[in-house]
């Protein structure tokens, strides 16, 4: 008998390009995925994959069967959502979050998800937006909160809020209290995220607009530690205003007045919308409400 496990295996292999990746997504072993495909082929009396190819390639029959499988999975997802109205949301969602979102919104979001959906678990991935975007398109994440995502056939994007960025420094560095340009900061130690993060790109682009590069550039993969390093006077850092309230109000950091202007990053929700992807419409709605009440919006 056909089961949704058979259809999930077929769709996952096609989306991810390998039996191993499909097994990782489904939480089973690779032999289990292979067995499901053999059972599906036996039940339908058709060969779905070309076994002579290095990577799994659908046969003509396989391409036709895939269309039906995708339609059936969408119908099942819609039926569950209609019947349960979110009350029966179970399983695991793979959620990615950029550091700025994690520091301002993630605790509230996870708390609401736990209250609303006690049988739901979250596999959390905190990373640079650049990396999260890549993982989402490869099918390794179901939903991500990141800056500058890119659209794709299986990825839907919804803008949330602009993220203003400012150069900050400890008063102990003694930087002039006037408008500062790249030439004024090029010789000062700079602290930013590693390449190819969006923050790294923005920081270097700011200097590049005056044809300069910072002489001393150090990288750190945590915004929290970047704040601490800047507050300790180790260097100047480009950071989102949303995470700086305590340090600026206490006086351990000051916002530098700089030119040229720095374009804000755009925080967005990016969702997998492939037929096999989970229905995260309720999660998306909760996240939008959390963001609207957070420092991410209030400080934007």
Protein backbone atom coordinates (compact mmCIF):
# COMPACT_ATOMS: atom_id res chain seq x y z
CA UNK A 1 0.00 0.00 0.00
CA UNK A 2 1.17 3.51 -0.78
CA UNK A 3 1.84 5.78 2.19
CA UNK A 4 2.85 9.39 2.64
CA UNK A 5 6.25 8.12 3.70
CA UNK A 6 6.75 6.87 0.14
CA UNK A 7 5.70 10.23 -1.31
CA UNK A 8 7.86 12.20 1.13
CA UNK A 9 10.89 10.15 0.13
CA UNK A 10 10.29 10.77 -3.58
CA UNK A 11 9.82 14.51 -3.15
CA UNK A 12 12.78 14.90 -0.79
CA UNK A 13 15.15 13.10 -3.18
CA UNK A 14 14.10 15.32 -6.08
CA UNK A 15 14.35 18.54 -4.05
CA UNK A 16 17.69 17.76 -2.38
CA UNK A 17 19.37 15.79 -5.17
CA UNK A 18 20.46 12.71 -3.22
CA UNK A 19 19.16 9.77 -1.19
CA UNK A 20 21.47 10.71 1.70
CA UNK A 21 20.20 14.28 1.94
CA UNK A 22 16.61 13.02 1.76
CA UNK A 23 17.31 10.62 4.63
CA UNK A 24 18.73 13.47 6.73
CA UNK A 25 15.64 15.60 6.12
CA UNK A 26 13.23 12.78 6.94
CA UNK A 27 15.16 11.60 9.97
CA UNK A 28 15.66 8.05 8.69
CA UNK A 29 18.55 6.02 7.30
CA UNK A 30 19.56 6.03 3.65
CA UNK A 31 18.61 2.32 3.23
CA UNK A 32 15.12 3.20 4.49
CA UNK A 33 14.75 5.86 1.81
CA UNK A 34 15.97 3.41 -0.85
CA UNK A 35 13.48 0.81 0.39
CA UNK A 36 10.61 3.30 0.20
CA UNK A 37 11.46 4.13 -3.40
CA UNK A 38 11.67 0.42 -4.34
CA UNK A 39 8.28 -0.19 -2.68
CA UNK A 40 6.80 2.81 -4.49
CA UNK A 41 8.13 1.62 -7.84
CA UNK A 42 6.86 -1.91 -7.19
CA UNK A 43 3.40 -0.66 -6.20
CA UNK A 44 3.11 1.59 -9.27
CA UNK A 45 4.80 -0.83 -11.68
CA UNK A 46 7.09 1.92 -12.94
CA UNK A 47 10.74 2.85 -12.60
CA UNK A 48 11.00 6.35 -11.14
CA UNK A 49 14.76 6.99 -11.18
CA UNK A 50 17.48 6.36 -13.74
CA UNK A 51 19.90 4.07 -11.89
CA UNK A 52 22.74 4.65 -14.39
CA UNK A 53 23.16 8.31 -13.40
CA UNK A 54 25.57 9.41 -10.66
CA UNK A 55 22.90 11.62 -9.12
CA UNK A 56 19.25 10.53 -8.99
CA UNK A 57 17.49 11.58 -12.18
CA UNK A 58 13.77 11.10 -12.69
CA UNK A 59 12.58 8.98 -15.60
CA UNK A 60 9.67 10.16 -17.72
CA UNK A 61 7.33 8.08 -15.51
CA UNK A 62 9.01 9.54 -12.45
CA UNK A 63 8.33 13.10 -13.57
CA UNK A 64 4.64 12.34 -14.02
CA UNK A 65 4.36 10.54 -10.68
CA UNK A 66 6.13 13.44 -8.95
CA UNK A 67 3.35 15.83 -10.04
CA UNK A 68 0.71 13.62 -8.38
CA UNK A 69 2.84 13.18 -5.25
CA UNK A 70 3.26 16.93 -4.85
CA UNK A 71 -0.46 17.53 -5.26
CA UNK A 72 -1.28 14.85 -2.68
CA UNK A 73 1.15 16.31 -0.14
CA UNK A 74 -0.32 19.79 -0.58
CA UNK A 75 -3.85 18.43 -0.09
CA UNK A 76 -2.82 16.58 3.06
CA UNK A 77 -1.15 19.69 4.49
CA UNK A 78 -4.22 21.82 3.73
CA UNK A 79 -6.54 19.20 5.25
CA UNK A 80 -4.54 19.09 8.48
CA UNK A 81 -4.44 22.88 8.75
CA UNK A 82 -8.19 23.10 8.16
CA UNK A 83 -9.07 20.41 10.68
CA UNK A 84 -6.70 21.45 13.46
CA UNK A 85 -6.43 25.21 13.01
CA UNK A 86 -2.93 24.93 14.39
CA UNK A 87 -3.92 23.08 17.57
CA UNK A 88 -2.32 19.91 16.29
CA UNK A 89 0.93 21.40 15.03
CA UNK A 90 3.54 18.77 15.87
CA UNK A 91 6.96 17.62 14.76
CA UNK A 92 10.12 19.64 14.23
CA UNK A 93 10.68 22.82 12.27
CA UNK A 94 14.18 23.86 11.23
CA UNK A 95 14.43 27.54 12.10
CA UNK A 96 17.32 29.79 11.19
CA UNK A 97 17.94 33.19 12.75
CA UNK A 98 20.48 35.92 12.19
CA UNK A 99 22.25 37.15 15.32
CA UNK A 100 20.36 40.46 15.41
CA UNK A 101 17.00 38.65 15.29
CA UNK A 102 18.13 36.12 17.89
CA UNK A 103 19.14 38.87 20.34
CA UNK A 104 15.93 40.87 20.01
CA UNK A 105 13.10 38.51 19.07
CA UNK A 106 14.00 34.85 19.48
CA UNK A 107 13.19 34.37 23.20
CA UNK A 108 9.69 35.82 22.75
CA UNK A 109 9.09 33.83 19.57
CA UNK A 110 10.16 30.51 21.08
CA UNK A 111 8.09 31.22 24.19
CA UNK A 112 4.95 31.83 22.16
CA UNK A 113 5.54 28.77 20.00
CA UNK A 114 5.92 26.62 23.11
CA UNK A 115 2.69 28.01 24.57
CA UNK A 116 0.68 27.66 21.38
CA UNK A 117 2.12 24.38 20.10
CA UNK A 118 3.40 22.24 23.00
CA UNK A 119 4.07 19.28 20.69
CA UNK A 120 6.21 21.32 18.33
CA UNK A 121 10.00 21.26 18.59
CA UNK A 122 12.42 23.73 17.02
CA UNK A 123 15.80 22.83 15.55
CA UNK A 124 17.58 26.16 15.86
CA UNK A 125 20.39 27.45 13.65
CA UNK A 126 22.00 30.81 14.51
CA UNK A 127 24.24 31.97 11.67
CA UNK A 128 25.08 34.85 9.34
CA UNK A 129 22.29 35.84 6.99
CA UNK A 130 24.46 34.91 3.99
CA UNK A 131 24.81 31.34 5.25
CA UNK A 132 21.16 31.04 6.32
CA UNK A 133 20.05 32.10 2.85
CA UNK A 134 22.17 29.35 1.29
CA UNK A 135 20.86 26.72 3.71
CA UNK A 136 17.26 27.71 3.00
CA UNK A 137 17.65 27.34 -0.76
CA UNK A 138 19.34 23.96 -0.29
CA UNK A 139 16.36 22.73 1.75
CA UNK A 140 18.27 22.56 5.05
CA UNK A 141 15.93 25.06 6.77
CA UNK A 142 12.14 25.47 6.78
CA UNK A 143 12.03 29.12 7.86
CA UNK A 144 14.64 31.80 8.48
CA UNK A 145 14.77 35.32 9.86
CA UNK A 146 17.58 37.10 8.07
CA UNK A 147 18.67 40.15 6.12
CA UNK A 148 18.93 40.34 2.32
CA UNK A 149 17.42 36.94 1.43
CA UNK A 150 17.09 35.96 -2.21
CA UNK A 151 13.98 34.61 -3.88
CA UNK A 152 13.83 31.21 -5.53
CA UNK A 153 11.29 28.75 -6.92
CA UNK A 154 10.85 27.16 -3.47
CA UNK A 155 11.48 30.21 -1.25
CA UNK A 156 8.99 32.94 -0.36
CA UNK A 157 10.16 36.21 1.20
CA UNK A 158 8.23 38.67 3.34
CA UNK A 159 9.95 41.91 4.46
CA UNK A 160 9.65 42.68 8.17
CA UNK A 161 11.48 45.82 9.25
CA UNK A 162 14.53 47.90 8.29
CA UNK A 163 17.58 47.47 10.52
CA UNK A 164 19.50 50.77 10.89
CA UNK A 165 23.26 50.42 11.38
CA UNK A 166 25.61 52.81 13.19
CA UNK A 167 29.30 53.01 13.93
CA UNK A 168 29.89 52.84 17.69
CA UNK A 169 32.97 53.26 19.87
CA UNK A 170 33.95 53.53 23.50
CA UNK A 171 34.45 57.11 24.74
CA UNK A 172 37.89 56.01 25.93
CA UNK A 173 39.07 55.92 22.29
CA UNK A 174 38.77 59.72 22.28
CA UNK A 175 37.37 59.97 18.75
CA UNK A 176 36.36 63.51 17.70
CA UNK A 177 32.75 64.51 18.38
CA UNK A 178 32.16 65.72 14.83
CA UNK A 179 31.08 64.21 11.54
CA UNK A 180 33.50 61.39 10.77
CA UNK A 181 34.32 60.07 7.32
CA UNK A 182 36.11 56.84 6.27
CA UNK A 183 39.47 58.62 6.36
CA UNK A 184 38.91 59.37 10.07
CA UNK A 185 38.31 55.71 10.94
CA UNK A 186 40.57 53.92 8.44
CA UNK A 187 43.46 53.87 10.92
CA UNK A 188 41.32 52.79 13.90
CA UNK A 189 40.89 49.06 14.68
CA UNK A 190 37.63 47.83 13.14
CA UNK A 191 35.63 44.88 14.53
CA UNK A 192 33.06 43.17 12.31
CA UNK A 193 31.60 39.79 11.37
CA UNK A 194 33.75 37.55 9.17
CA UNK A 195 33.40 37.43 5.42
CA UNK A 196 30.98 36.82 3.64
CA UNK A 197 28.51 38.19 6.20
CA UNK A 198 26.29 41.12 5.19
CA UNK A 199 27.76 43.22 8.03
CA UNK A 200 31.30 42.62 6.76
CA UNK A 201 30.24 43.60 3.23
CA UNK A 202 28.49 46.77 4.43
CA UNK A 203 31.42 47.85 6.62
CA UNK A 204 33.99 47.47 3.85
CA UNK A 205 31.66 49.08 1.30
CA UNK A 206 31.40 52.16 3.54
CA UNK A 207 35.16 52.64 3.46
CA UNK A 208 35.25 51.73 -0.23
CA UNK A 209 32.96 54.62 -1.15
CA UNK A 210 35.90 56.91 -0.38
CA UNK A 211 38.39 54.53 -2.01
CA UNK A 212 39.77 53.32 1.34
CA UNK A 213 40.19 50.11 3.34
CA UNK A 214 40.59 49.81 7.11
CA UNK A 215 44.21 49.28 8.10
CA UNK A 216 43.37 46.96 10.99
CA UNK A 217 40.29 44.77 10.70
CA UNK A 218 39.41 42.05 13.21
CA UNK A 219 36.46 39.66 12.85
CA UNK A 220 34.14 38.13 15.43
CA UNK A 221 31.21 35.78 14.83
CA UNK A 222 29.06 37.10 17.71
CA UNK A 223 27.34 40.48 17.88
CA UNK A 224 27.26 40.19 21.67
CA UNK A 225 31.03 39.88 21.84
CA UNK A 226 31.48 42.63 19.26
CA UNK A 227 29.55 44.96 21.59
CA UNK A 228 31.74 43.96 24.52
CA UNK A 229 34.94 44.43 22.55
CA UNK A 230 33.84 47.85 21.33
CA UNK A 231 32.79 48.85 24.88
CA UNK A 232 36.21 47.77 26.13
CA UNK A 233 37.85 50.14 23.66
CA UNK A 234 39.33 47.42 21.45
CA UNK A 235 37.98 49.02 18.31
CA UNK A 236 35.11 50.60 16.42
CA UNK A 237 32.22 48.46 15.23
CA UNK A 238 29.28 48.77 12.85
CA UNK A 239 26.19 47.41 14.63
CA UNK A 240 22.36 47.46 14.53
CA UNK A 241 20.83 50.16 16.74
CA UNK A 242 18.27 47.63 18.02
CA UNK A 243 20.84 45.82 20.17
CA UNK A 244 22.68 48.87 21.58
CA UNK A 245 20.17 50.50 23.93
CA UNK A 246 21.75 49.47 27.25
CA UNK A 247 25.30 50.29 26.24
CA UNK A 248 24.45 53.67 24.75
CA UNK A 249 22.24 54.72 27.67
CA UNK A 250 24.91 53.69 30.19
CA UNK A 251 27.58 55.61 28.27
CA UNK A 252 29.95 52.69 27.65
CA UNK A 253 29.38 53.16 23.93
CA UNK A 254 28.59 56.22 21.88
CA UNK A 255 27.07 56.40 18.44
CA UNK A 256 29.42 58.14 16.03
CA UNK A 257 28.11 60.71 13.57
CA UNK A 258 29.38 59.49 10.21
CA UNK A 259 29.13 60.07 6.47
CA UNK A 260 28.45 58.77 3.89
CA UNK A 261 25.06 57.45 4.99
CA UNK A 262 24.72 53.73 5.70
CA UNK A 263 21.79 51.95 4.09
CA UNK A 264 19.78 49.91 6.61
CA UNK A 265 19.67 46.15 6.28
CA UNK A 266 16.18 44.71 5.71
CA UNK A 267 15.07 41.99 8.11
CA UNK A 268 12.76 39.50 6.43
CA UNK A 269 11.07 36.15 6.87
CA UNK A 270 12.05 33.56 4.28
CA UNK A 271 9.95 30.40 4.03
CA UNK A 272 10.29 27.18 2.14
CA UNK A 273 7.19 26.90 -0.05
CA UNK A 274 7.94 23.59 -1.79
CA UNK A 275 5.03 21.08 -1.69
CA UNK A 276 6.87 18.97 0.88
CA UNK A 277 7.61 21.93 3.17
CA UNK A 278 5.62 22.22 6.41
CA UNK A 279 2.80 24.74 6.64
CA UNK A 280 4.28 27.54 8.72
CA UNK A 281 1.61 30.18 8.17
CA UNK A 282 0.75 30.28 11.89
CA UNK A 283 4.43 30.46 12.85
CA UNK A 284 4.88 33.32 10.38
CA UNK A 285 1.90 35.21 11.86
CA UNK A 286 3.22 34.80 15.41
CA UNK A 287 6.69 35.94 14.33
CA UNK A 288 5.31 39.09 12.68
CA UNK A 289 3.51 39.99 15.93
CA UNK A 290 6.66 39.35 17.99
CA UNK A 291 8.78 41.53 15.69
CA UNK A 292 6.24 44.37 15.79
CA UNK A 293 6.52 44.48 19.60
CA UNK A 294 10.30 44.08 19.78
CA UNK A 295 13.26 46.45 19.90
CA UNK A 296 13.87 45.43 16.30
CA UNK A 297 10.84 47.55 15.34
CA UNK A 298 10.91 50.13 18.12
CA UNK A 299 14.55 51.05 17.41
CA UNK A 300 14.27 50.95 13.62
